[in-house]
Protein backbone atom coordinates (compact mmCIF):
# COMPACT_ATOMS: atom_id res chain seq x y z
CA UNK A 1 18.69 -9.67 -3.48
CA UNK A 2 18.59 -7.84 -6.83
CA UNK A 3 16.94 -9.81 -9.64
CA UNK A 4 18.33 -9.57 -13.21
CA UNK A 5 16.80 -10.96 -16.40
CA UNK A 6 19.18 -11.93 -19.24
CA UNK A 7 17.58 -12.13 -22.70
CA UNK A 8 19.86 -13.48 -25.43
CA UNK A 9 19.47 -16.23 -28.03
CA UNK A 10 23.08 -17.42 -27.58
CA UNK A 11 23.31 -20.12 -24.92
CA UNK A 12 27.02 -19.44 -24.22
CA UNK A 13 26.38 -15.76 -23.48
CA UNK A 14 23.43 -16.57 -21.22
CA UNK A 15 25.44 -19.16 -19.30
CA UNK A 16 28.54 -17.01 -18.85
CA UNK A 17 26.60 -13.90 -17.80
CA UNK A 18 24.49 -15.95 -15.40
CA UNK A 19 27.58 -17.49 -13.76
CA UNK A 20 29.28 -14.10 -13.36
CA UNK A 21 26.20 -12.38 -11.95
CA UNK A 22 25.39 -15.19 -9.53
CA UNK A 23 28.96 -14.93 -8.24
CA UNK A 24 28.26 -11.23 -7.66
CA UNK A 25 25.20 -12.32 -5.62
CA UNK A 26 22.50 -11.37 -8.10
CA UNK A 27 19.41 -13.50 -8.58
CA UNK A 28 19.35 -14.37 -12.28
CA UNK A 29 16.71 -15.59 -14.72
CA UNK A 30 17.39 -16.19 -18.42
CA UNK A 31 15.29 -16.18 -21.60
CA UNK A 32 16.16 -17.03 -25.19
CA UNK A 33 13.23 -15.36 -26.98
CA UNK A 34 11.25 -12.12 -26.90
CA UNK A 35 8.01 -13.93 -26.07
CA UNK A 36 9.56 -15.72 -23.11
CA UNK A 37 11.07 -12.45 -21.84
CA UNK A 38 7.72 -10.64 -21.93
CA UNK A 39 6.02 -13.52 -20.08
CA UNK A 40 8.70 -13.43 -17.39
CA UNK A 41 8.42 -9.66 -16.99
CA UNK A 42 4.67 -9.87 -16.52
CA UNK A 43 5.07 -12.58 -13.89
CA UNK A 44 7.92 -11.39 -11.65
CA UNK A 45 9.80 -8.32 -10.47
CA UNK A 46 13.23 -7.50 -11.89
CA UNK A 47 15.53 -4.61 -11.14
CA UNK A 48 17.38 -4.77 -14.48
CA UNK A 49 17.23 -6.54 -17.86
CA UNK A 50 20.16 -7.29 -20.19
CA UNK A 51 18.36 -7.41 -23.55
CA UNK A 52 19.92 -8.47 -26.85
CA UNK A 53 18.82 -6.56 -29.96
CA UNK A 54 18.76 -9.60 -32.26
CA UNK A 55 16.31 -12.28 -31.07
CA UNK A 56 14.93 -15.23 -33.06
CA UNK A 57 11.29 -14.08 -32.77
CA UNK A 58 11.68 -10.31 -32.87
CA UNK A 59 13.69 -7.14 -32.56
CA UNK A 60 14.97 -6.37 -29.06
CA UNK A 61 14.14 -2.70 -29.59
CA UNK A 62 10.52 -3.65 -30.26
CA UNK A 63 10.58 -5.65 -27.03
CA UNK A 64 11.95 -2.58 -25.23
CA UNK A 65 9.14 -0.44 -26.66
CA UNK A 66 6.53 -2.98 -25.57
CA UNK A 67 7.95 -3.18 -22.04
CA UNK A 68 7.79 0.60 -21.69
CA UNK A 69 4.25 0.74 -23.14
CA UNK A 70 3.05 -1.83 -20.61
CA UNK A 71 4.56 -0.20 -17.50
CA UNK A 72 1.33 -0.63 -15.55
CA UNK A 73 1.15 -4.34 -16.45
CA UNK A 74 4.74 -5.49 -16.12
CA UNK A 75 7.55 -4.76 -13.71
CA UNK A 76 9.50 -1.55 -14.30
CA UNK A 77 13.19 -2.51 -14.49
CA UNK A 78 16.03 -0.62 -16.11
CA UNK A 79 16.77 -2.02 -19.58
CA UNK A 80 20.38 -2.39 -20.79
CA UNK A 81 20.59 -3.21 -24.49
CA UNK A 82 23.40 -5.49 -25.76
CA UNK A 83 24.37 -6.20 -29.35
CA UNK A 84 27.20 -7.61 -31.46
CA UNK A 85 26.14 -5.46 -34.39
CA UNK A 86 25.62 -2.14 -32.67
CA UNK A 87 25.20 1.08 -34.62
CA UNK A 88 24.87 4.68 -33.52
CA UNK A 89 21.36 4.69 -34.96
CA UNK A 90 20.35 1.68 -32.84
CA UNK A 91 21.88 3.20 -29.71
CA UNK A 92 20.03 6.50 -30.25
CA UNK A 93 16.74 4.71 -30.84
CA UNK A 94 17.25 2.56 -27.73
CA UNK A 95 17.88 5.68 -25.62
CA UNK A 96 14.75 7.38 -26.98
CA UNK A 97 12.72 4.28 -26.12
CA UNK A 98 13.93 4.43 -22.52
CA UNK A 99 16.96 2.13 -22.40
CA UNK A 100 19.37 2.84 -19.57
CA UNK A 101 22.51 2.06 -21.60
CA UNK A 102 23.81 0.26 -24.69
CA UNK A 103 26.63 -2.33 -24.48
CA UNK A 104 28.48 -3.83 -27.43
CA UNK A 105 29.64 -7.44 -27.69
CA UNK A 106 32.05 -8.86 -26.77
CA UNK A 107 31.03 -7.60 -23.37
CA UNK A 108 33.57 -6.10 -21.01
CA UNK A 109 33.09 -7.72 -17.60
CA UNK A 110 34.04 -4.60 -15.62
CA UNK A 111 31.88 -2.28 -17.71
CA UNK A 112 28.92 -4.64 -17.64
CA UNK A 113 29.02 -4.90 -13.84
CA UNK A 114 29.44 -1.12 -13.45
CA UNK A 115 26.53 -0.31 -15.76
CA UNK A 116 24.37 -2.93 -14.04
CA UNK A 117 25.12 -1.51 -10.56
CA UNK A 118 24.34 2.02 -11.73
CA UNK A 119 21.13 0.88 -13.44
CA UNK A 120 19.85 -0.82 -10.29
CA UNK A 121 20.70 2.25 -8.24
CA UNK A 122 18.72 4.38 -10.73
CA UNK A 123 15.78 1.98 -10.55
CA UNK A 124 15.73 2.19 -6.75
CA UNK A 125 15.87 5.98 -6.89
CA UNK A 126 12.92 6.05 -9.29
CA UNK A 127 10.90 3.77 -7.01
CA UNK A 128 11.77 5.97 -4.01
CA UNK A 129 10.53 9.03 -5.91
CA UNK A 130 7.31 7.23 -6.81
CA UNK A 131 6.88 6.22 -3.19
CA UNK A 132 7.38 9.84 -2.10
CA UNK A 133 4.75 10.96 -4.60
CA UNK A 134 2.31 8.38 -3.23
CA UNK A 135 2.92 9.63 0.29
CA UNK A 136 2.27 13.21 -0.80
CA UNK A 137 -0.97 12.13 -2.47
CA UNK A 138 -2.25 10.50 0.74
CA UNK A 139 -0.71 12.76 3.40
CA UNK A 140 -4.07 14.45 4.07
CA UNK A 141 -5.30 11.64 6.32
CA UNK A 142 -2.99 13.06 9.01
CA UNK A 143 -3.91 16.70 8.38
CA UNK A 144 -5.73 18.36 11.25
CA UNK A 145 -5.49 19.94 14.68
CA UNK A 146 -8.19 17.87 16.38
CA UNK A 147 -7.39 16.00 19.57
CA UNK A 148 -7.69 12.54 17.89
CA UNK A 149 -5.23 13.54 15.14
CA UNK A 150 -2.73 15.01 17.58
CA UNK A 151 -2.91 11.83 19.68
CA UNK A 152 -2.46 9.67 16.57
CA UNK A 153 0.61 11.60 15.43
CA UNK A 154 2.10 11.31 18.92
CA UNK A 155 1.46 7.57 18.94
CA UNK A 156 3.23 7.20 15.58
CA UNK A 157 6.21 9.15 16.92
CA UNK A 158 6.46 6.85 19.95
CA UNK A 159 5.88 3.50 18.25
CA UNK A 160 7.58 3.94 14.85
CA UNK A 161 11.19 3.48 16.12
CA UNK A 162 10.31 0.05 17.58
CA UNK A 163 9.96 -3.28 15.78
CA UNK A 164 6.60 -4.06 17.39
CA UNK A 165 3.89 -5.37 15.07
CA UNK A 166 1.02 -2.95 14.53
CA UNK A 167 -2.67 -3.56 13.88
CA UNK A 168 -4.55 -0.55 12.51
CA UNK A 169 -8.32 -0.37 12.95
CA UNK A 170 -10.37 2.07 10.91
CA UNK A 171 -13.18 2.49 8.43
CA UNK A 172 -12.61 2.46 4.69
CA UNK A 173 -11.15 5.73 3.48
CA UNK A 174 -9.98 6.85 6.92
CA UNK A 175 -6.25 6.66 6.09
CA UNK A 176 -5.02 3.30 7.40
CA UNK A 177 -2.46 2.95 4.60
CA UNK A 178 -1.02 6.40 5.36
CA UNK A 179 -0.62 5.47 9.03
CA UNK A 180 1.35 2.39 7.96
CA UNK A 181 3.53 4.45 5.60
CA UNK A 182 4.12 7.07 8.30
CA UNK A 183 5.21 4.41 10.79
CA UNK A 184 7.63 3.00 8.19
CA UNK A 185 9.03 6.41 7.21
CA UNK A 186 9.80 7.27 10.85
CA UNK A 187 11.35 3.89 11.66
CA UNK A 188 14.94 2.62 11.35
CA UNK A 189 13.68 0.61 8.33
CA UNK A 190 12.82 3.70 6.28
CA UNK A 191 15.64 3.09 3.78
CA UNK A 192 14.34 -0.41 3.09
CA UNK A 193 11.22 -1.41 1.11
CA UNK A 194 7.62 -0.72 2.12
CA UNK A 195 5.62 -3.52 0.49
CA UNK A 196 1.83 -3.53 0.48
CA UNK A 197 -0.62 -6.37 -0.13
CA UNK A 198 -4.39 -5.85 -0.14
CA UNK A 199 -5.66 -9.18 1.14
CA UNK A 200 -9.21 -8.45 -0.04
CA UNK A 201 -8.14 -7.82 -3.64
CA UNK A 202 -6.28 -11.11 -4.27
CA UNK A 203 -8.28 -14.25 -5.19
CA UNK A 204 -7.88 -17.12 -2.75
CA UNK A 205 -6.09 -19.28 -5.34
CA UNK A 206 -3.36 -16.64 -5.77
CA UNK A 207 -2.84 -15.12 -2.31
CA UNK A 208 -0.37 -17.75 -1.09
CA UNK A 209 1.92 -17.19 -4.08
CA UNK A 210 1.54 -13.40 -3.63
CA UNK A 211 2.59 -13.67 0.02
CA UNK A 212 5.36 -16.25 -0.25
CA UNK A 213 6.26 -16.40 -3.94
CA UNK A 214 6.97 -19.55 -5.89
CA UNK A 215 9.78 -21.36 -7.59
CA UNK A 216 10.19 -23.14 -10.91
CA UNK A 217 6.94 -24.54 -12.28
CA UNK A 218 4.91 -24.04 -9.09
CA UNK A 219 3.15 -20.79 -10.00
CA UNK A 220 -0.56 -20.35 -10.72
CA UNK A 221 0.10 -21.21 -14.39
CA UNK A 222 1.54 -24.61 -13.51
CA UNK A 223 4.56 -26.33 -15.11
CA UNK A 224 4.15 -24.36 -18.34
CA UNK A 225 5.32 -21.27 -16.46
CA UNK A 226 8.76 -22.28 -15.09
CA UNK A 227 9.54 -18.92 -13.50
CA UNK A 228 10.45 -17.55 -10.11
CA UNK A 229 8.46 -14.95 -8.24
CA UNK A 230 9.40 -13.27 -4.99
CA UNK A 231 6.44 -12.89 -2.67
CA UNK A 232 5.63 -9.83 -0.59
CA UNK A 233 7.29 -11.30 2.51
CA UNK A 234 10.57 -11.76 0.63
CA UNK A 235 10.43 -8.34 -1.06
CA UNK A 236 9.84 -6.68 2.32
CA UNK A 237 12.96 -8.26 3.87
CA UNK A 238 14.64 -5.63 6.06
CA UNK A 239 11.69 -3.28 5.61
CA UNK A 240 7.96 -3.22 6.31
CA UNK A 241 5.18 -5.49 5.06
CA UNK A 242 1.73 -3.89 5.12
CA UNK A 243 -1.15 -6.40 5.04
CA UNK A 244 -4.24 -4.33 4.26
CA UNK A 245 -7.71 -5.73 5.01
CA UNK A 246 -6.13 -8.64 6.87
CA UNK A 247 -9.56 -9.70 8.11
CA UNK A 248 -10.41 -10.92 4.61
CA UNK A 249 -7.77 -13.69 4.56
CA UNK A 250 -9.03 -17.26 4.62
CA UNK A 251 -8.31 -19.43 7.67
CA UNK A 252 -5.90 -21.52 5.57
CA UNK A 253 -3.86 -18.46 4.62
CA UNK A 254 -4.03 -17.13 8.19
CA UNK A 255 -2.38 -20.34 9.43
CA UNK A 256 0.52 -19.93 7.01
CA UNK A 257 0.97 -16.24 7.86
CA UNK A 258 0.98 -17.14 11.56
CA UNK A 259 3.74 -19.69 11.01
CA UNK A 260 5.80 -17.22 8.97
CA UNK A 261 5.47 -14.62 11.74
CA UNK A 262 6.49 -17.11 14.44
CA UNK A 263 9.48 -18.56 12.58
CA UNK A 264 10.52 -15.54 10.48
CA UNK A 265 10.89 -17.93 7.57
CA UNK A 266 8.68 -19.69 5.02
CA UNK A 267 8.80 -21.99 2.01
CA UNK A 268 7.87 -20.41 -1.33
CA UNK A 269 5.42 -22.59 -3.23
CA UNK A 270 7.42 -25.38 -4.87
CA UNK A 271 10.65 -24.62 -2.96
CA UNK A 272 12.52 -27.23 -0.95
CA UNK A 273 14.51 -24.77 1.18
CA UNK A 274 13.07 -22.02 3.38
CA UNK A 275 13.57 -18.29 2.93
CA UNK A 276 14.53 -16.34 6.06
CA UNK A 277 13.20 -12.78 6.34
CA UNK A 278 13.29 -9.89 8.77
CA UNK A 279 10.26 -7.75 8.02
CA UNK A 280 8.15 -5.65 10.35
CA UNK A 281 4.50 -6.52 9.76
CA UNK A 282 1.80 -3.86 9.93
CA UNK A 283 -1.76 -5.05 9.37
CA UNK A 284 -4.99 -3.12 8.91
CA UNK A 285 -8.67 -3.94 8.94
CA UNK A 286 -12.07 -2.28 8.78
CA UNK A 287 -13.65 -5.25 10.57
CA UNK A 288 -14.20 -5.98 14.25
CA UNK A 289 -11.69 -8.82 14.50
CA UNK A 290 -12.86 -9.86 17.98
CA UNK A 291 -16.31 -10.37 16.50
CA UNK A 292 -14.77 -12.27 13.57
CA UNK A 293 -12.95 -14.50 16.09
CA UNK A 294 -16.24 -15.23 17.85
CA UNK A 295 -17.77 -16.19 14.50
CA UNK A 296 -14.86 -18.48 13.70
CA UNK A 297 -13.66 -16.36 10.77
CA UNK A 298 -10.35 -15.19 12.23
CA UNK A 299 -7.70 -17.01 14.26
CA UNK A 300 -7.34 -15.76 17.80
CA UNK A 301 -3.62 -16.64 17.92
CA UNK A 302 -2.96 -14.60 14.76
CA UNK A 303 -4.92 -11.68 16.21
CA UNK A 304 -2.64 -11.58 19.26
CA UNK A 305 0.50 -11.89 17.09
CA UNK A 306 -0.57 -8.89 15.02
CA UNK A 307 -2.17 -6.78 17.74
CA UNK A 308 1.01 -5.90 19.67
CA UNK A 309 0.46 -2.17 19.11
CA UNK A 310 -3.14 -1.23 18.20
CA UNK A 311 -3.87 1.98 16.29
CA UNK A 312 -7.41 3.34 16.02
CA UNK A 313 -7.93 5.77 13.15
CA UNK A 314 -10.88 8.09 13.91
CA UNK A 315 -13.49 8.47 11.16
CA UNK A 316 -13.89 11.94 9.70
CA UNK A 317 -17.31 12.44 11.34
CA UNK A 318 -15.53 12.37 14.74
CA UNK A 319 -13.03 15.08 13.80
CA UNK A 320 -15.10 17.51 11.78
CA UNK A 321 -13.04 20.43 13.07
CA UNK A 322 -10.34 19.20 10.65
CA UNK A 323 -12.56 19.53 7.58
CA UNK A 324 -11.59 23.15 6.88
CA UNK A 325 -7.87 22.36 6.84
CA UNK A 326 -8.41 19.26 4.71
CA UNK A 327 -10.57 21.06 2.14
CA UNK A 328 -8.04 23.89 1.74
CA UNK A 329 -5.27 21.35 1.28
CA UNK A 330 -7.28 19.54 -1.40
CA UNK A 331 -8.11 22.83 -3.12
CA UNK A 332 -4.42 23.64 -3.30
CA UNK A 333 -3.54 20.16 -4.58
CA UNK A 334 -6.21 20.00 -7.28
CA UNK A 335 -5.93 23.72 -8.06
CA UNK A 336 -2.31 23.19 -9.06
CA UNK A 337 -3.23 20.04 -10.97
CA UNK A 338 -5.95 21.83 -12.99
CA UNK A 339 -4.18 25.19 -13.34
CA UNK A 340 -6.31 27.02 -10.75
CA UNK A 341 -4.02 27.60 -7.75
CA UNK A 342 -6.04 30.39 -6.09
CA UNK A 343 -9.48 28.83 -5.59
CA UNK A 344 -10.91 29.58 -2.11
CA UNK A 345 -13.92 28.32 -0.19
CA UNK A 346 -16.58 30.22 1.74
CA UNK A 347 -17.34 29.78 5.43
CA UNK A 348 -20.90 28.74 4.57
CA UNK A 349 -19.59 25.95 2.33
CA UNK A 350 -17.27 24.73 5.12
CA UNK A 351 -20.22 24.81 7.55
CA UNK A 352 -22.29 22.76 5.11
CA UNK A 353 -19.51 20.21 4.70
CA UNK A 354 -19.27 19.83 8.47
CA UNK A 355 -22.93 18.81 8.67
CA UNK A 356 -22.48 15.80 6.41
CA UNK A 357 -21.63 12.45 8.04
CA UNK A 358 -18.89 11.42 5.52
CA UNK A 359 -19.37 7.63 5.40
CA UNK A 360 -16.46 7.45 2.94
CA UNK A 361 -14.24 9.49 5.27
CA UNK A 362 -11.26 11.53 4.00
CA UNK A 363 -11.26 9.71 0.67
CA UNK A 364 -14.85 10.80 0.00
CA UNK A 365 -14.09 14.41 1.01
CA UNK A 366 -11.11 14.49 -1.36
CA UNK A 367 -13.25 13.18 -4.22
CA UNK A 368 -15.94 15.80 -3.52
CA UNK A 369 -13.40 18.65 -3.66
CA UNK A 370 -11.99 17.40 -6.96
CA UNK A 371 -15.49 17.03 -8.40
CA UNK A 372 -16.45 20.57 -7.36
CA UNK A 373 -13.37 22.02 -9.10
CA UNK A 374 -14.00 20.04 -12.29
CA UNK A 375 -17.72 20.90 -12.50
CA UNK A 376 -17.23 24.60 -11.71
CA UNK A 377 -14.26 25.58 -13.89
CA UNK A 378 -14.83 29.36 -13.62
CA UNK A 379 -15.49 29.60 -9.88
CA UNK A 380 -12.75 31.42 -7.97
CA UNK A 381 -14.53 30.68 -4.71
CA UNK A 382 -16.40 27.50 -3.75
CA UNK A 383 -19.84 28.30 -2.32
CA UNK A 384 -22.37 26.01 -0.67
CA UNK A 385 -24.39 25.94 -3.94
CA UNK A 386 -21.42 24.30 -5.70
CA UNK A 387 -21.43 21.27 -3.38
CA UNK A 388 -22.99 17.96 -4.45
CA UNK A 389 -26.74 17.63 -3.85
CA UNK A 390 -26.20 14.91 -1.25
CA UNK A 391 -24.14 17.31 0.88
CA UNK A 392 -26.47 20.26 0.23
CA UNK A 393 -29.50 18.26 1.42
CA UNK A 394 -27.97 17.91 4.91
CA UNK A 395 -30.03 20.03 7.32
CA UNK A 396 -27.83 22.80 8.74
CA UNK A 397 -30.02 22.89 11.85
CA UNK A 398 -28.99 19.34 12.69
CA UNK A 399 -29.84 15.80 11.72
CA UNK A 400 -33.08 15.59 13.66
CA UNK A 401 -31.69 12.81 15.83
CA UNK A 402 -30.89 10.66 12.82
CA UNK A 403 -27.49 10.45 11.13
CA UNK A 404 -26.90 8.98 7.68
CA UNK A 405 -24.90 5.76 7.73
CA UNK A 406 -23.65 3.77 4.78
CA UNK A 407 -23.61 0.42 6.62
CA UNK A 408 -25.37 -1.27 9.50
CA UNK A 409 -22.01 -1.58 11.29
CA UNK A 410 -21.55 2.21 11.26
CA UNK A 411 -25.04 2.73 12.67
CA UNK A 412 -24.46 0.14 15.40
CA UNK A 413 -21.09 1.61 16.35
CA UNK A 414 -22.60 5.10 16.59
CA UNK A 415 -25.38 3.80 18.86
CA UNK A 416 -22.91 1.83 21.04
CA UNK A 417 -20.66 4.86 21.35
CA UNK A 418 -23.54 7.12 22.42
CA UNK A 419 -24.85 4.51 24.89
CA UNK A 420 -21.42 3.98 26.52
CA UNK A 421 -20.81 7.72 26.75
CA UNK A 422 -24.14 8.22 28.56
CA UNK A 423 -23.33 5.42 31.02
CA UNK A 424 -19.86 6.87 31.66
CA UNK A 425 -21.47 10.23 32.33
CA UNK A 426 -23.90 8.66 34.83
CA UNK A 427 -21.01 6.92 36.62
CA UNK A 428 -18.79 10.05 36.63
CA UNK A 429 -16.26 8.26 34.37
CA UNK A 430 -15.84 5.39 36.85
CA UNK A 431 -14.95 2.50 34.52
CA UNK A 432 -15.77 -0.22 37.07
CA UNK A 433 -19.27 1.11 37.78
CA UNK A 434 -19.95 1.75 34.11
CA UNK A 435 -18.87 -1.78 33.19
CA UNK A 436 -21.18 -3.25 35.84
CA UNK A 437 -24.11 -1.18 34.59
CA UNK A 438 -23.43 -2.23 31.01
CA UNK A 439 -23.03 -5.90 31.94
CA UNK A 440 -19.43 -6.05 30.65
CA UNK A 441 -16.10 -7.07 32.04
CA UNK A 442 -13.92 -4.05 32.83
CA UNK A 443 -11.29 -5.14 30.28
CA UNK A 444 -14.00 -5.66 27.64
CA UNK A 445 -15.32 -2.14 28.22
CA UNK A 446 -11.80 -0.74 27.81
CA UNK A 447 -11.45 -2.58 24.49
CA UNK A 448 -14.83 -1.28 23.36
CA UNK A 449 -13.84 2.26 24.29
CA UNK A 450 -10.59 2.03 22.36
CA UNK A 451 -12.36 0.56 19.33
CA UNK A 452 -14.97 3.34 19.39
CA UNK A 453 -12.46 6.11 20.04
CA UNK A 454 -13.80 7.04 23.49
CA UNK A 455 -11.48 8.77 25.94
CA UNK A 456 -12.14 8.72 29.70
CA UNK A 457 -13.63 12.06 30.66
CA UNK A 458 -15.14 12.69 27.23
């Protein structure tokens, strides 16, 4: 449902506009002052604002300018100015400040509804363009001709058209968000919203209201903030909800997410009636959730609800043959950004990059390429000497049996992978015999292999 904010100091105008818009099935919030309007805009998402020029505590045009100057802090709706004392000068200034349109009082019902519909359509188009730009910025996580990347792209093609829930496993920087976006963009829900929530970035006191929203007076600010906020579940209705770093949710929040998944409905904080939603949930984690279950940190029933279709994103160190393609893509991207579209890279520099273990995965590689371009503004060709010292120090003759790892988990996974591969080789890829030798159940070995990216016959 589209959410409209009406800002006018005249009670009669607020009441009549609210009644008309609610009849047209808009969600409506009203404000009588500039200060109240700015608080509301910082606290909730709106698609459009009907903003009066004359307000008791300020000029509506100043409010418009402040909204546009705080785009990163407040929602980004289309602003429609309204005034009973309109002048050409005011209309021109409003347009320059970014207003969508200018309506004079007394308002024409038909024109107001037409302008509002067009404004919301424009706002959606702008968000779609921003979403497309974000996808272009992160598309490199699926660049490559390696076997793991080809298999991953094929899996996306097969699973995207379904409504099955997806759980994406992968290290930080490996491209889990892009996998989620790719699944959404190839699904029947692609015309509907893709809504993301990073569960690790939201404080525990706020995550429930972020997920489910809240109603009058029940927000984090208490009764002094009598606003509405749609949570990520509600905003993703009809589309896709991406829960990133789902392993960082508390057990209390996990229980509420589990119930919402089971019932396809939930109660916003402070609401007496439930909200029904139809959203496909994609979750991602860089943790071993089975280990977290064993430790009592993650609910087993939630794991099985989310893990209908597992995706395993290979780390960059396991697909180093893709590094050349990735680097050339980044050189083109940043070359255009910094006015240097023809920068190349030598074979020796590519060889050096392939020796590094890339604990930060594709994200780290992208940052290195940008840094090299910035620090070597006159170089038309990237050589090994231009690479960061950390990469240059990697021994081209090999790692001497020791690879650099950024975490203990990475080191353990590398050892487990090597150990399982050796046992599979000794058993001629016989899973049953290998499982017996390793002291594991056959199904447990299969899960381990999937988690570590091991294919039978490797």
